[in-house]
């Protein structure tokens, strides 16, 4: 009887499995021998492989679908990565943003309550105004964009719920996804400089950029331990986008003279950005054993993932 109990796998459901973080979680969790993974996203599965997990279509804004899929698959843990994250789009499509970022969380909580499921909810540094970063987990939120408000409201819904929960807050996630629909600062700088294009990069915003693999690992560490509470899960370097661009050029041996310094006011964006965020990671390091890559190591990880793509194109 005992061996049977030990052999029982823990079932984890993730939302947003087509997204960057979702894809990295599928990669990571399919390698955990004691995990039974259910991947969910809106519409069809966009991952190039189907081994090691079960896929279910689930639109997080559809309450009935959320309750049905979760009742049928009976996970012990849900890692909620799906969200509307385009900050400017959130500003112009507020109802859509609220449905995806807040109401969806209410549906997930309802499903978790019904089956005593542990919820890991992914949040953002944009809940802060950026006046005094880097922030620890106790810092006072004060969003300055509608996206920030929606994510802050979602956190409040989770915190005031009667389920078992954790919140993983992150900052400026970068990485390479299978369908490559979205670029990131490293790929953008690399491509621009390779094409001989001059670029302007801001020097008056600070972030701790997060490798998608590190965020996936942080979410997994929380899920595995069912560690309750709020955790900062980000990169460990505190950098301006300009510094990130210079480090990228250095890594790939590209022409840094094409990179010009700019301040944020030269760019007109519908949503305000917090100037100085970034995170203090002491809690995640001590409680979870979280150990993120440096930004330079992160560039190297991306560079390694670019090589196989190239050989296919020839």
Protein backbone atom coordinates (compact mmCIF):
# COMPACT_ATOMS: atom_id res chain seq x y z
CA UNK A 1 0.00 0.00 0.00
CA UNK A 2 2.84 2.30 0.93
CA UNK A 3 4.68 1.94 -2.37
CA UNK A 4 1.50 2.73 -4.24
CA UNK A 5 1.13 5.95 -2.32
CA UNK A 6 4.71 6.92 -3.12
CA UNK A 7 4.22 6.21 -6.81
CA UNK A 8 1.22 8.48 -7.06
CA UNK A 9 2.11 11.47 -9.17
CA UNK A 10 1.25 15.02 -8.30
CA UNK A 11 -1.05 16.49 -10.91
CA UNK A 12 -0.30 20.08 -11.93
CA UNK A 13 -2.42 22.14 -14.32
CA UNK A 14 -0.97 25.20 -16.00
CA UNK A 15 -2.89 27.97 -17.75
CA UNK A 16 -1.40 29.83 -20.70
CA UNK A 17 0.70 26.89 -21.92
CA UNK A 18 1.13 28.52 -25.36
CA UNK A 19 2.81 31.58 -23.83
CA UNK A 20 6.52 32.02 -23.15
CA UNK A 21 6.36 31.11 -19.45
CA UNK A 22 3.79 28.38 -20.15
CA UNK A 23 6.07 26.73 -22.71
CA UNK A 24 9.04 26.81 -20.34
CA UNK A 25 6.89 25.25 -17.60
CA UNK A 26 5.81 22.45 -19.94
CA UNK A 27 9.49 21.85 -20.80
CA UNK A 28 10.43 21.78 -17.11
CA UNK A 29 7.48 19.81 -15.71
CA UNK A 30 7.54 17.07 -18.36
CA UNK A 31 11.05 16.32 -17.05
CA UNK A 32 9.83 15.84 -13.45
CA UNK A 33 9.23 12.09 -13.00
CA UNK A 34 6.67 12.50 -10.20
CA UNK A 35 4.52 15.06 -12.01
CA UNK A 36 1.42 14.51 -14.12
CA UNK A 37 1.00 17.64 -16.25
CA UNK A 38 -2.15 19.13 -17.75
CA UNK A 39 -1.40 22.02 -20.11
CA UNK A 40 -4.23 24.41 -20.97
CA UNK A 41 -4.56 27.44 -23.23
CA UNK A 42 -7.15 29.16 -25.34
CA UNK A 43 -7.69 27.36 -28.66
CA UNK A 44 -5.26 24.81 -30.06
CA UNK A 45 -2.01 23.59 -28.59
CA UNK A 46 0.89 25.45 -30.22
CA UNK A 47 3.69 23.36 -28.74
CA UNK A 48 5.63 21.30 -31.31
CA UNK A 49 5.53 18.11 -29.22
CA UNK A 50 2.75 16.29 -27.37
CA UNK A 51 4.71 13.81 -25.24
CA UNK A 52 4.71 13.87 -21.46
CA UNK A 53 1.57 15.92 -20.83
CA UNK A 54 -2.15 16.16 -21.58
CA UNK A 55 -3.50 19.20 -23.41
CA UNK A 56 -6.96 20.68 -22.81
CA UNK A 57 -8.33 23.80 -24.46
CA UNK A 58 -9.48 26.19 -21.72
CA UNK A 59 -10.43 29.84 -22.12
CA UNK A 60 -9.82 31.40 -18.70
CA UNK A 61 -12.48 34.06 -19.36
CA UNK A 62 -15.16 31.35 -19.74
CA UNK A 63 -16.29 30.46 -16.21
CA UNK A 64 -18.14 27.30 -17.23
CA UNK A 65 -15.15 25.98 -19.17
CA UNK A 66 -12.75 26.74 -16.31
CA UNK A 67 -14.95 24.94 -13.76
CA UNK A 68 -15.53 21.95 -16.06
CA UNK A 69 -11.93 21.39 -17.16
CA UNK A 70 -10.61 21.69 -13.59
CA UNK A 71 -13.33 19.43 -12.15
CA UNK A 72 -12.58 16.80 -14.83
CA UNK A 73 -8.78 16.89 -14.62
CA UNK A 74 -8.63 17.16 -10.78
CA UNK A 75 -5.20 18.84 -10.37
CA UNK A 76 -3.62 19.28 -6.94
CA UNK A 77 -1.87 22.47 -8.01
CA UNK A 78 -2.66 25.14 -10.61
CA UNK A 79 0.08 27.44 -11.93
CA UNK A 80 -1.73 30.39 -13.47
CA UNK A 81 0.44 32.04 -16.15
CA UNK A 82 -2.24 33.22 -18.61
CA UNK A 83 -2.85 36.97 -18.67
CA UNK A 84 -3.17 39.98 -20.91
CA UNK A 85 0.31 41.45 -20.60
CA UNK A 86 0.49 44.03 -23.40
CA UNK A 87 0.60 47.11 -21.18
CA UNK A 88 -0.53 49.60 -23.85
CA UNK A 89 -3.30 47.33 -25.13
CA UNK A 90 -4.62 47.01 -21.56
CA UNK A 91 -4.90 50.80 -21.49
CA UNK A 92 -7.13 50.87 -24.60
CA UNK A 93 -9.04 47.58 -24.01
CA UNK A 94 -9.88 47.86 -20.33
CA UNK A 95 -12.85 45.44 -20.33
CA UNK A 96 -10.84 42.78 -22.10
CA UNK A 97 -7.92 43.32 -19.72
CA UNK A 98 -10.18 43.05 -16.65
CA UNK A 99 -11.84 39.88 -17.97
CA UNK A 100 -8.49 38.17 -18.56
CA UNK A 101 -6.54 39.49 -15.57
CA UNK A 102 -9.14 39.71 -12.80
CA UNK A 103 -12.38 37.86 -13.55
CA UNK A 104 -10.46 34.80 -14.78
CA UNK A 105 -8.68 34.67 -11.42
CA UNK A 106 -12.06 34.68 -9.66
CA UNK A 107 -13.13 31.66 -11.75
CA UNK A 108 -9.89 29.82 -10.94
CA UNK A 109 -10.31 30.53 -7.23
CA UNK A 110 -13.87 29.18 -7.39
CA UNK A 111 -12.54 25.98 -9.00
CA UNK A 112 -9.70 25.72 -6.45
CA UNK A 113 -12.12 26.15 -3.57
CA UNK A 114 -14.35 23.34 -4.84
CA UNK A 115 -11.48 20.82 -4.92
CA UNK A 116 -8.95 22.17 -2.39
CA UNK A 117 -6.37 23.03 -5.06
CA UNK A 118 -3.20 25.04 -4.33
CA UNK A 119 -3.02 28.09 -6.64
CA UNK A 120 0.24 29.66 -7.81
CA UNK A 121 -0.67 33.04 -9.32
CA UNK A 122 1.87 34.92 -11.45
CA UNK A 123 2.03 38.69 -10.90
CA UNK A 124 4.24 41.62 -11.88
CA UNK A 125 6.46 44.49 -10.79
CA UNK A 126 3.97 46.80 -12.53
CA UNK A 127 1.83 46.80 -9.37
CA UNK A 128 4.42 49.32 -8.10
CA UNK A 129 4.88 52.98 -9.08
CA UNK A 130 8.63 52.51 -9.49
CA UNK A 131 9.55 55.37 -7.17
CA UNK A 132 11.70 53.25 -4.87
CA UNK A 133 12.77 49.92 -6.38
CA UNK A 134 14.13 47.29 -5.92
CA UNK A 135 11.17 46.02 -3.88
CA UNK A 136 10.75 43.24 -1.36
CA UNK A 137 7.55 41.23 -0.88
CA UNK A 138 6.22 43.61 1.80
CA UNK A 139 6.48 46.78 -0.29
CA UNK A 140 3.40 48.95 -0.78
CA UNK A 141 1.75 48.62 -4.20
CA UNK A 142 0.72 51.71 -6.16
CA UNK A 143 0.00 50.94 -9.83
CA UNK A 144 0.32 53.69 -12.44
CA UNK A 145 -1.18 51.86 -15.46
CA UNK A 146 -4.43 49.98 -16.03
CA UNK A 147 -2.44 46.78 -16.54
CA UNK A 148 -0.81 47.37 -13.14
CA UNK A 149 -4.22 47.98 -11.55
CA UNK A 150 -5.65 44.78 -13.05
CA UNK A 151 -2.74 42.70 -11.74
CA UNK A 152 -2.96 44.38 -8.32
CA UNK A 153 -6.71 43.70 -8.18
CA UNK A 154 -6.03 40.04 -9.06
CA UNK A 155 -3.50 39.78 -6.22
CA UNK A 156 -6.09 41.18 -3.81
CA UNK A 157 -8.65 38.62 -4.99
CA UNK A 158 -6.13 35.82 -4.35
CA UNK A 159 -4.96 37.16 -0.97
CA UNK A 160 -8.51 37.63 0.33
CA UNK A 161 -9.71 34.24 -0.92
CA UNK A 162 -10.13 31.27 1.41
CA UNK A 163 -8.01 28.90 -0.69
CA UNK A 164 -4.34 27.88 -0.34
CA UNK A 165 -2.31 30.23 -2.51
CA UNK A 166 1.04 31.67 -3.51
CA UNK A 167 1.87 34.69 -5.66
CA UNK A 168 5.00 34.70 -7.84
CA UNK A 169 5.85 38.28 -8.82
CA UNK A 170 8.25 38.78 -11.71
CA UNK A 171 9.95 41.46 -13.82
CA UNK A 172 10.63 41.90 -17.57
CA UNK A 173 10.61 38.26 -18.66
CA UNK A 174 12.74 37.38 -21.69
CA UNK A 175 13.31 34.13 -23.53
CA UNK A 176 12.68 32.24 -26.74
CA UNK A 177 9.33 30.58 -27.40
CA UNK A 178 8.54 27.96 -30.02
CA UNK A 179 6.48 30.22 -32.26
CA UNK A 180 8.71 33.28 -31.68
CA UNK A 181 5.80 35.69 -32.15
CA UNK A 182 7.17 38.15 -29.61
CA UNK A 183 10.69 39.54 -29.54
CA UNK A 184 12.64 40.52 -26.44
CA UNK A 185 15.33 43.08 -25.72
CA UNK A 186 18.20 40.68 -26.47
CA UNK A 187 16.84 39.53 -29.84
CA UNK A 188 15.80 43.07 -30.80
CA UNK A 189 19.24 44.54 -30.04
CA UNK A 190 21.02 41.65 -31.76
CA UNK A 191 18.93 41.87 -34.93
CA UNK A 192 19.06 45.70 -35.11
CA UNK A 193 22.85 45.82 -34.77
CA UNK A 194 23.37 42.93 -37.20
CA UNK A 195 21.26 44.88 -39.71
CA UNK A 196 23.36 48.01 -39.04
CA UNK A 197 20.37 49.87 -37.57
CA UNK A 198 20.89 52.62 -35.01
CA UNK A 199 18.72 52.18 -31.90
CA UNK A 200 17.74 54.34 -28.95
CA UNK A 201 17.56 52.65 -25.56
CA UNK A 202 16.43 54.18 -22.28
CA UNK A 203 18.81 54.90 -19.44
CA UNK A 204 16.25 56.09 -16.88
CA UNK A 205 14.36 52.87 -16.20
CA UNK A 206 15.69 50.10 -13.95
CA UNK A 207 14.59 46.46 -13.93
CA UNK A 208 15.81 43.02 -12.87
CA UNK A 209 15.28 41.17 -16.19
CA UNK A 210 14.11 37.57 -15.75
CA UNK A 211 15.06 34.59 -17.90
CA UNK A 212 11.84 32.68 -18.65
CA UNK A 213 13.50 29.42 -17.55
CA UNK A 214 14.27 30.98 -14.15
CA UNK A 215 10.66 32.11 -13.70
CA UNK A 216 9.44 28.61 -14.63
CA UNK A 217 11.84 27.13 -12.06
CA UNK A 218 10.62 29.58 -9.40
CA UNK A 219 6.98 28.67 -10.08
CA UNK A 220 7.87 24.98 -9.93
CA UNK A 221 9.75 25.38 -6.62
CA UNK A 222 6.67 27.10 -5.13
CA UNK A 223 4.32 24.45 -6.53
CA UNK A 224 6.51 21.55 -5.41
CA UNK A 225 6.73 22.83 -1.83
CA UNK A 226 3.21 24.31 -1.89
CA UNK A 227 4.94 27.29 -0.29
CA UNK A 228 2.30 29.82 0.71
CA UNK A 229 2.56 33.60 0.41
CA UNK A 230 4.19 36.11 -1.92
CA UNK A 231 7.55 35.45 -3.59
CA UNK A 232 9.69 37.68 -5.78
CA UNK A 233 10.91 35.56 -8.70
CA UNK A 234 13.10 37.60 -11.05
CA UNK A 235 16.64 37.93 -12.34
CA UNK A 236 19.31 39.05 -9.88
CA UNK A 237 20.87 41.92 -11.85
CA UNK A 238 19.55 45.49 -11.52
CA UNK A 239 19.97 47.09 -14.94
CA UNK A 240 18.73 49.79 -17.31
CA UNK A 241 17.60 48.71 -20.78
CA UNK A 242 20.62 50.63 -22.11
CA UNK A 243 22.97 48.49 -19.98
CA UNK A 244 21.14 45.36 -21.20
CA UNK A 245 21.66 46.49 -24.80
CA UNK A 246 25.39 47.14 -24.27
CA UNK A 247 25.84 43.72 -22.60
CA UNK A 248 24.03 42.08 -25.52
CA UNK A 249 26.24 43.85 -28.08
CA UNK A 250 29.34 42.83 -26.11
CA UNK A 251 28.25 39.20 -25.92
CA UNK A 252 27.64 38.90 -29.67
CA UNK A 253 30.58 41.13 -30.66
CA UNK A 254 28.36 43.74 -32.33
CA UNK A 255 28.85 47.48 -32.92
CA UNK A 256 27.95 49.36 -29.73
CA UNK A 257 28.29 52.75 -31.42
CA UNK A 258 24.85 52.12 -32.98
CA UNK A 259 23.29 52.22 -29.50
CA UNK A 260 22.22 55.70 -28.40
CA UNK A 261 21.11 56.68 -24.91
CA UNK A 262 17.60 58.06 -24.52
CA UNK A 263 15.26 58.85 -21.68
CA UNK A 264 11.76 57.46 -21.35
CA UNK A 265 10.12 60.81 -22.11
CA UNK A 266 11.33 60.58 -25.74
CA UNK A 267 8.99 57.62 -26.30
CA UNK A 268 5.25 58.19 -26.38
CA UNK A 269 3.43 55.19 -24.95
CA UNK A 270 -0.25 55.09 -23.97
CA UNK A 271 0.51 53.52 -20.58
CA UNK A 272 2.91 54.90 -17.97
CA UNK A 273 5.85 52.68 -16.99
CA UNK A 274 7.25 52.56 -13.45
CA UNK A 275 10.77 54.04 -13.65
CA UNK A 276 12.58 51.94 -11.07
CA UNK A 277 11.36 48.48 -10.13
CA UNK A 278 13.45 45.32 -9.73
CA UNK A 279 13.21 42.90 -6.83
CA UNK A 280 14.95 41.83 -3.65
CA UNK A 281 15.16 38.01 -3.89
CA UNK A 282 16.24 37.06 -0.34
CA UNK A 283 12.96 35.31 0.51
CA UNK A 284 12.85 33.16 -2.65
CA UNK A 285 16.51 32.25 -2.21
CA UNK A 286 16.19 31.25 1.45
CA UNK A 287 12.72 29.63 1.43
CA UNK A 288 12.72 28.01 -2.03
CA UNK A 289 16.40 27.64 -2.87
CA UNK A 290 15.79 29.82 -5.94
CA UNK A 291 19.02 30.53 -7.86
CA UNK A 292 18.53 32.63 -11.01
CA UNK A 293 21.01 33.17 -13.83
CA UNK A 294 22.82 36.48 -14.22
CA UNK A 295 21.75 38.57 -17.23
CA UNK A 296 24.99 37.64 -19.01
CA UNK A 297 24.30 33.94 -18.41
CA UNK A 298 20.77 34.54 -19.67
CA UNK A 299 22.10 35.96 -22.94
CA UNK A 300 24.23 32.81 -23.30
CA UNK A 301 21.17 30.57 -22.73
CA UNK A 302 19.29 32.43 -25.49
CA UNK A 303 22.29 32.28 -27.81
CA UNK A 304 22.41 28.52 -27.34
CA UNK A 305 18.72 28.24 -28.21
CA UNK A 306 19.16 30.30 -31.38
CA UNK A 307 21.68 27.93 -32.97
CA UNK A 308 19.31 25.02 -33.73
CA UNK A 309 16.87 27.45 -35.37
CA UNK A 310 19.57 28.64 -37.77
CA UNK A 311 20.61 25.19 -38.98
CA UNK A 312 17.00 24.38 -39.98
CA UNK A 313 16.81 27.47 -42.16
CA UNK A 314 19.72 26.59 -44.43
